[in-house]
Amino acid sequence: MHLHKKMAESNHKVESHDEGAQEETIVTKKHDRFQSAFWQRWKGLAVAILYGVTSISITFFNKAVFVYGFNASNFLTLGQILFSLVFLMVMKANKQLEYEDFSISTAQALFPLASAFIGMVVTGLAALIYVNVPMYSALRRLTTFIVIVWQYFLLNKTVPQKELLSVILMVLGAIIAGWGDLTFDIYGYFLTTLNCVVTAWYLVLIAKKSQETGLKTFGLMFYNNVLSLPIMVVICVITEWDIIVNFDKWWNVGFQICFVMSCMQAFLLNYSLFLCSTINSPLTTSITGQLKSILQTVFGLFAFNDVVITGTFSAGLGVSTMGGIWYGVEKYKEQIEKMKKEEQDRPQNDLESGKSNGQVLKV
């Protein structure tokens, strides 16, 4: 009798434990479903915000490094390349990214792209030493105009008239702002303009080399960083060794934070751009980029006390910003028309597909 009682109590405890485990499993599954549903609903917005914040903050962290008196822009480029390469390799090892292993033949094919990448990053960072952030943002809009010109002469490709006019307005605004910029530095303006030219060439090469090699975003990033690394080491040793060795703020915590954040965000910017382009539409990415430019201009007016605000300077920034907004609107309209056309073509394609498969479509 006593033995039966103990067995009954034991069975009751086991059943209670099983019920508790089942309830815990149900609660965990509900929580996981809630988290999944929450992420599915808001991930597009979260990724767009990440891209926008990173796009703005990287320029300010880059500028902040130079405000500390560290004028070794090539060494900062080297730091960004090293961080990006480490991130790429670690994420590939953890199966969070996929790209092909290093190949000599692919590296040879991509060397022109890596050279353009070096030119783009080096000139962009060097320009920030001499040009304030709002003016830098305005001048950087010249890249779009240069791309349009190159597409016309090299590919015989034109853009809609309103889109072209919006780009011309951006350029006109940059010229007006430059005319009223009391901190005007001819070398800084030259570097920024050169950066626009190299960036435009880099964008053209990306499309071409991606098609030739079959590599996607992170494969191209990997080869860019691997091929650029030894070149930047040589450039730093030749041009900036004295600056690096004699810099007296290496142990300044503020400088260390700005330097590390600048290096980290170089990769994060590319990664967030990739996420924003894949999770959201290209339209969302374009709009986010335009909003980023506006906020970057506004924050840059007051961030580093290196801007002398004049009427001409403010008017030029306003015209350039309005041109950027107009350009964004035209790209929005273009994307909407493209989506409508795809929707209209889909039924016809489905009908042709059904016929080719010998299917009879019922109406």
Protein backbone atom coordinates (compact mmCIF):
# COMPACT_ATOMS: atom_id res chain seq x y z
CA MET A 1 0.00 0.00 0.00
CA HIS A 2 2.77 2.35 1.00
CA LEU A 3 4.72 1.40 -2.17
CA HIS A 4 1.70 2.14 -4.39
CA LYS A 5 1.29 5.52 -2.75
CA LYS A 6 4.93 6.46 -3.45
CA MET A 7 4.62 5.37 -7.06
CA ALA A 8 1.47 7.45 -7.45
CA GLU A 9 3.19 10.53 -6.00
CA SER A 10 6.16 9.96 -8.28
CA ASN A 11 3.95 9.69 -11.36
CA HIS A 12 2.11 12.83 -10.33
CA LYS A 13 5.41 14.73 -10.05
CA VAL A 14 6.50 13.51 -13.49
CA GLU A 15 3.19 14.56 -15.00
CA SER A 16 3.41 17.96 -13.29
CA HIS A 17 6.96 18.40 -14.60
CA ASP A 18 5.86 17.45 -18.15
CA GLU A 19 2.93 19.86 -18.00
CA GLY A 20 5.24 22.63 -16.75
CA ALA A 21 7.71 21.93 -19.56
CA GLN A 22 4.90 21.97 -22.13
CA GLU A 23 3.58 25.26 -20.80
CA GLU A 24 7.11 26.72 -20.90
CA THR A 25 7.53 25.49 -24.49
CA ILE A 26 4.20 27.05 -25.51
CA VAL A 27 5.15 30.37 -23.90
CA THR A 28 8.57 30.29 -25.60
CA LYS A 29 7.01 29.56 -29.00
CA LYS A 30 4.49 32.38 -28.55
CA HIS A 31 7.31 34.75 -27.61
CA ASP A 32 9.37 33.65 -30.62
CA ARG A 33 6.34 34.11 -32.92
CA PHE A 34 5.75 37.57 -31.46
CA GLN A 35 9.38 38.54 -32.00
CA SER A 36 9.30 37.16 -35.55
CA ALA A 37 6.06 39.00 -36.38
CA PHE A 38 7.39 42.21 -34.84
CA TRP A 39 10.62 41.96 -36.84
CA GLN A 40 8.81 41.14 -40.08
CA ARG A 41 6.61 44.19 -39.61
CA TRP A 42 9.30 46.69 -38.67
CA LYS A 43 12.52 45.37 -40.19
CA GLY A 44 12.19 47.51 -43.33
CA LEU A 45 11.94 50.69 -41.27
CA ALA A 46 14.74 49.55 -38.93
CA VAL A 47 17.12 48.83 -41.81
CA ALA A 48 16.29 52.15 -43.53
CA ILE A 49 17.00 54.01 -40.27
CA LEU A 50 20.27 52.09 -39.84
CA TYR A 51 21.37 53.04 -43.35
CA GLY A 52 20.37 56.68 -42.87
CA VAL A 53 22.04 57.05 -39.46
CA THR A 54 25.21 55.32 -40.63
CA SER A 55 25.36 57.44 -43.79
CA ILE A 56 25.17 60.63 -41.74
CA SER A 57 27.38 59.63 -38.83
CA ILE A 58 30.31 58.27 -40.85
CA THR A 59 30.93 61.71 -42.39
CA PHE A 60 30.89 63.34 -38.97
CA PHE A 61 33.18 60.73 -37.41
CA ASN A 62 35.58 61.14 -40.34
CA LYS A 63 35.55 64.90 -39.89
CA ALA A 64 35.94 64.56 -36.10
CA VAL A 65 39.16 62.54 -36.55
CA PHE A 66 40.66 65.43 -38.51
CA VAL A 67 39.41 68.00 -36.00
CA TYR A 68 41.76 66.37 -33.46
CA GLY A 69 44.61 67.40 -35.76
CA PHE A 70 45.16 63.94 -37.26
CA ASN A 71 45.75 64.81 -40.91
CA ALA A 72 46.81 61.31 -41.99
CA SER A 73 43.79 60.59 -44.17
CA ASN A 74 45.55 57.71 -45.93
CA PHE A 75 46.14 55.95 -42.60
CA LEU A 76 42.44 56.38 -41.77
CA THR A 77 41.67 54.77 -45.13
CA LEU A 78 43.98 51.89 -44.20
CA GLY A 79 42.13 51.46 -40.90
CA GLN A 80 38.78 51.32 -42.69
CA ILE A 81 40.10 48.72 -45.13
CA LEU A 82 41.47 46.54 -42.30
CA PHE A 83 38.23 46.70 -40.29
CA SER A 84 36.12 45.94 -43.38
CA LEU A 85 38.31 42.96 -44.29
CA VAL A 86 38.13 41.53 -40.77
CA PHE A 87 34.33 41.95 -40.67
CA LEU A 88 33.95 40.25 -44.06
CA MET A 89 36.10 37.28 -43.09
CA VAL A 90 34.48 36.81 -39.67
CA MET A 91 30.95 37.01 -41.08
CA LYS A 92 31.82 34.55 -43.85
CA ALA A 93 33.32 32.13 -41.29
CA ASN A 94 30.04 32.35 -39.32
CA LYS A 95 28.05 31.76 -42.55
CA GLN A 96 26.38 35.17 -42.31
CA LEU A 97 27.80 36.22 -45.68
CA GLU A 98 28.71 34.34 -48.83
CA TYR A 99 31.32 35.19 -51.43
CA GLU A 100 33.87 33.17 -53.38
CA ASP A 101 37.40 32.51 -52.11
CA PHE A 102 40.33 34.51 -53.42
CA SER A 103 41.32 33.82 -57.02
CA ILE A 104 44.31 35.28 -58.87
CA SER A 105 42.43 35.54 -62.17
CA THR A 106 39.51 37.35 -60.53
CA ALA A 107 41.91 39.65 -58.69
CA GLN A 108 43.58 40.61 -61.97
CA ALA A 109 40.20 41.38 -63.52
CA LEU A 110 39.20 43.53 -60.54
CA PHE A 111 42.42 45.49 -60.11
CA PRO A 112 41.06 48.54 -62.05
CA LEU A 113 38.02 48.55 -59.74
CA ALA A 114 40.26 48.38 -56.65
CA SER A 115 42.34 51.27 -58.00
CA ALA A 116 39.19 53.37 -58.44
CA PHE A 117 38.08 52.34 -54.93
CA ILE A 118 41.37 53.57 -53.45
CA GLY A 119 41.08 56.85 -55.35
CA MET A 120 37.48 57.33 -54.22
CA VAL A 121 38.13 56.73 -50.51
CA VAL A 122 41.46 58.59 -50.35
CA THR A 123 40.22 61.74 -52.10
CA GLY A 124 36.94 61.72 -50.13
CA LEU A 125 38.64 61.57 -46.74
CA ALA A 126 41.37 64.05 -47.72
CA ALA A 127 38.74 66.55 -48.91
CA LEU A 128 37.09 66.56 -45.47
CA ILE A 129 40.28 68.00 -43.97
CA TYR A 130 39.82 71.21 -45.96
CA VAL A 131 36.06 71.47 -46.66
CA ASN A 132 33.21 71.88 -44.16
CA VAL A 133 30.49 69.20 -44.06
CA PRO A 134 27.61 71.20 -45.68
CA MET A 135 29.81 72.27 -48.59
CA TYR A 136 31.20 68.78 -48.92
CA SER A 137 27.64 67.39 -49.15
CA ALA A 138 26.68 69.98 -51.78
CA LEU A 139 29.77 69.38 -53.91
CA ARG A 140 29.36 65.62 -53.70
CA ARG A 141 26.07 65.97 -55.59
CA LEU A 142 28.20 66.67 -58.68
CA THR A 143 28.74 62.91 -58.86
CA THR A 144 25.25 62.38 -60.27
CA PHE A 145 25.84 64.99 -62.98
CA ILE A 146 29.17 63.38 -63.98
CA VAL A 147 27.56 59.93 -64.15
CA ILE A 148 24.84 61.31 -66.46
CA VAL A 149 27.46 62.91 -68.73
CA TRP A 150 29.53 59.72 -68.93
CA GLN A 151 26.46 57.59 -69.62
CA TYR A 152 25.57 59.90 -72.50
CA PHE A 153 28.99 59.84 -74.18
CA LEU A 154 30.03 56.26 -73.36
CA LEU A 155 26.69 54.42 -73.48
CA ASN A 156 24.57 56.87 -75.49
CA LYS A 157 22.10 56.75 -72.61
CA THR A 158 19.94 59.75 -71.73
CA VAL A 159 17.82 60.64 -68.71
CA PRO A 160 14.37 62.29 -68.57
CA GLN A 161 14.41 66.07 -68.97
CA LYS A 162 13.06 66.85 -65.49
CA GLU A 163 15.61 64.54 -63.89
CA LEU A 164 18.40 66.31 -65.79
CA LEU A 165 17.06 69.73 -64.75
CA SER A 166 16.98 68.67 -61.10
CA VAL A 167 20.62 67.59 -61.30
CA ILE A 168 21.57 70.89 -62.98
CA LEU A 169 19.81 72.69 -60.11
CA MET A 170 21.92 70.73 -57.60
CA VAL A 171 25.08 71.74 -59.44
CA LEU A 172 23.97 75.39 -59.68
CA GLY A 173 23.26 75.43 -55.94
CA ALA A 174 26.72 74.03 -55.19
CA ILE A 175 28.32 76.77 -57.33
CA ILE A 176 26.32 79.50 -55.55
CA ALA A 177 27.19 78.07 -52.12
CA GLY A 178 30.86 77.87 -53.08
CA TRP A 179 30.76 81.51 -54.19
CA GLY A 180 29.53 82.50 -50.72
CA ASP A 181 31.79 80.13 -48.75
CA LEU A 182 34.14 82.29 -46.68
CA THR A 183 36.14 79.20 -45.68
CA PHE A 184 36.82 78.46 -49.37
CA ASP A 185 39.92 76.30 -49.88
CA ILE A 186 40.95 75.71 -53.48
CA TYR A 187 42.77 72.46 -52.67
CA GLY A 188 39.76 71.12 -50.72
CA TYR A 189 37.39 71.98 -53.56
CA PHE A 190 39.77 70.34 -56.05
CA LEU A 191 39.91 67.15 -53.96
CA THR A 192 36.10 67.03 -53.59
CA THR A 193 35.58 67.55 -57.33
CA LEU A 194 38.20 64.88 -58.07
CA ASN A 195 36.39 62.60 -55.62
CA CYS A 196 33.15 63.09 -57.59
CA VAL A 197 34.91 62.13 -60.83
CA VAL A 198 36.54 59.04 -59.32
CA THR A 199 33.30 58.01 -57.58
CA ALA A 200 31.40 58.28 -60.86
CA TRP A 201 34.03 56.12 -62.56
CA TYR A 202 33.89 53.65 -59.69
CA LEU A 203 30.09 53.35 -60.04
CA VAL A 204 30.44 52.68 -63.77
CA LEU A 205 33.13 50.04 -63.13
CA ILE A 206 31.07 48.29 -60.45
CA ALA A 207 28.29 47.52 -62.92
CA LYS A 208 30.77 46.39 -65.56
CA LYS A 209 32.99 44.22 -63.32
CA SER A 210 30.05 42.69 -61.50
CA GLN A 211 28.67 41.52 -64.81
CA GLU A 212 32.06 40.23 -66.00
CA THR A 213 32.97 38.30 -62.82
CA GLY A 214 29.52 37.39 -61.52
CA LEU A 215 30.44 38.76 -58.08
CA LYS A 216 27.88 40.44 -55.88
CA THR A 217 28.21 43.17 -53.25
CA PHE A 218 30.36 41.41 -50.67
CA GLY A 219 32.53 39.58 -53.17
CA LEU A 220 33.42 42.91 -54.74
CA MET A 221 34.02 44.42 -51.29
CA PHE A 222 36.32 41.53 -50.38
CA TYR A 223 38.50 41.92 -53.49
CA ASN A 224 38.53 45.72 -53.18
CA ASN A 225 39.88 45.51 -49.64
CA VAL A 226 42.35 42.67 -50.28
CA LEU A 227 43.84 44.39 -53.33
CA SER A 228 43.86 47.84 -51.70
CA LEU A 229 45.51 46.76 -48.44
CA PRO A 230 49.17 46.41 -49.58
CA ILE A 231 48.92 49.52 -51.75
CA MET A 232 47.64 51.63 -48.83
CA VAL A 233 50.38 50.31 -46.53
CA VAL A 234 53.02 51.54 -48.99
CA ILE A 235 51.25 54.89 -49.47
CA CYS A 236 51.01 55.44 -45.69
CA VAL A 237 54.67 54.63 -45.10
CA ILE A 238 55.82 56.96 -47.90
CA THR A 239 53.48 59.92 -47.30
CA GLU A 240 52.36 59.90 -43.66
CA TRP A 241 54.90 58.05 -41.52
CA ASP A 242 56.06 61.19 -39.67
CA ILE A 243 52.48 62.28 -38.94
CA ILE A 244 51.56 58.84 -37.59
CA VAL A 245 54.66 58.51 -35.38
CA ASN A 246 54.58 62.06 -34.00
CA PHE A 247 50.82 62.34 -33.37
CA ASP A 248 50.38 63.13 -29.67
CA LYS A 249 46.71 62.17 -29.16
CA TRP A 250 46.79 58.42 -29.77
CA TRP A 251 45.75 57.85 -26.16
CA ASN A 252 43.02 60.49 -26.16
CA VAL A 253 39.77 58.58 -25.53
CA GLY A 254 37.69 60.94 -27.66
CA PHE A 255 40.05 60.51 -30.61
CA GLN A 256 40.13 56.73 -30.16
CA ILE A 257 36.32 56.55 -30.22
CA CYS A 258 36.09 58.69 -33.37
CA PHE A 259 38.86 56.73 -35.13
CA VAL A 260 37.40 53.30 -34.32
CA MET A 261 33.85 54.37 -35.18
CA SER A 262 35.05 55.77 -38.50
CA CYS A 263 36.80 52.49 -39.32
CA MET A 264 33.83 50.34 -38.25
CA GLN A 265 31.22 52.39 -40.05
CA ALA A 266 32.98 52.14 -43.39
CA PHE A 267 31.90 48.50 -43.47
CA LEU A 268 28.60 49.12 -41.69
CA LEU A 269 27.62 51.69 -44.33
CA ASN A 270 28.09 49.18 -47.15
CA TYR A 271 26.35 46.44 -45.19
CA SER A 272 23.36 48.63 -44.25
CA LEU A 273 23.11 49.83 -47.87
CA PHE A 274 23.01 46.20 -48.98
CA LEU A 275 20.31 45.34 -46.41
CA CYS A 276 18.26 48.40 -47.30
CA SER A 277 18.44 47.57 -51.02
CA THR A 278 17.42 43.91 -50.49
CA ILE A 279 14.83 44.17 -47.70
CA ASN A 280 13.33 47.42 -48.99
CA SER A 281 12.88 48.65 -52.53
CA PRO A 282 15.55 50.69 -54.36
CA LEU A 283 13.06 53.54 -54.07
CA THR A 284 13.21 53.45 -50.26
CA THR A 285 17.00 53.43 -50.41
CA SER A 286 16.99 56.44 -52.76
CA ILE A 287 14.59 58.43 -50.55
CA THR A 288 16.62 57.57 -47.45
CA GLY A 289 19.72 58.83 -49.23
CA GLN A 290 18.06 62.14 -50.06
CA LEU A 291 16.83 62.62 -46.47
CA LYS A 292 20.34 61.79 -45.27
CA SER A 293 21.83 64.54 -47.43
CA ILE A 294 19.41 67.13 -46.03
CA LEU A 295 20.05 66.19 -42.40
CA GLN A 296 23.79 66.00 -42.98
CA THR A 297 23.76 69.54 -44.37
CA VAL A 298 21.73 70.89 -41.42
CA PHE A 299 23.82 69.16 -38.73
CA GLY A 300 27.04 70.11 -40.48
CA LEU A 301 26.24 73.80 -40.15
CA PHE A 302 26.67 73.65 -36.37
CA ALA A 303 28.76 70.56 -35.57
CA PHE A 304 32.36 71.76 -35.87
CA ASN A 305 32.27 75.58 -35.78
CA ASP A 306 34.00 75.71 -39.15
CA VAL A 307 31.11 77.20 -41.13
CA VAL A 308 30.66 80.94 -41.69
CA ILE A 309 27.01 81.38 -42.63
CA THR A 310 26.35 84.06 -45.26
CA GLY A 311 23.30 84.85 -47.36
CA THR A 312 24.87 83.57 -50.58
CA PHE A 313 26.17 80.41 -48.88
CA SER A 314 22.75 79.66 -47.34
CA ALA A 315 20.93 80.36 -50.62
CA GLY A 316 23.27 78.04 -52.51
CA LEU A 317 22.77 75.22 -50.00
CA GLY A 318 19.01 75.78 -50.22
CA VAL A 319 19.02 75.60 -54.03
CA SER A 320 21.21 72.49 -53.99
CA THR A 321 18.97 70.82 -51.41
CA MET A 322 15.83 71.65 -53.39
CA GLY A 323 17.48 70.15 -56.46
CA GLY A 324 18.19 67.01 -54.44
CA ILE A 325 14.57 66.79 -53.29
CA TRP A 326 13.33 67.32 -56.85
CA TYR A 327 15.69 64.61 -58.08
CA GLY A 328 14.33 62.25 -55.42
CA VAL A 329 10.75 62.99 -56.49
CA GLU A 330 11.56 62.31 -60.15
CA LYS A 331 13.26 59.02 -59.25
CA TYR A 332 10.18 58.16 -57.18
CA LYS A 333 7.89 58.79 -60.14
CA GLU A 334 10.19 56.77 -62.38
CA GLN A 335 10.10 53.84 -59.94
CA ILE A 336 6.31 53.98 -59.67
CA GLU A 337 5.95 53.93 -63.47
CA LYS A 338 8.33 50.99 -63.66
CA MET A 339 6.31 49.07 -61.07
CA LYS A 340 3.05 49.80 -62.91
CA LYS A 341 4.54 48.60 -66.18
CA GLU A 342 5.74 45.38 -64.55
CA GLU A 343 2.25 44.80 -63.15
CA GLN A 344 0.69 45.36 -66.58
CA ASP A 345 3.17 43.04 -68.31
CA ARG A 346 2.75 40.23 -65.76
CA PRO A 347 -0.68 38.96 -66.93
CA GLN A 348 0.57 38.87 -70.53
CA ASN A 349 3.68 36.96 -69.48
CA ASP A 350 1.56 34.52 -67.44
CA LEU A 351 -0.69 33.96 -70.45
CA GLU A 352 2.26 33.27 -72.76
CA SER A 353 3.77 30.96 -70.14
CA GLY A 354 0.50 29.04 -69.88
CA LYS A 355 0.29 28.61 -73.64
CA SER A 356 3.88 27.42 -73.90
CA ASN A 357 3.21 24.78 -71.22
CA GLY A 358 0.13 23.53 -73.01
CA GLN A 359 -2.17 24.78 -70.28
CA VAL A 360 -5.66 26.15 -70.83
CA LEU A 361 -6.34 29.22 -68.74
CA LYS A 362 -9.93 29.47 -67.55
CA VAL A 363 -11.55 32.87 -67.40
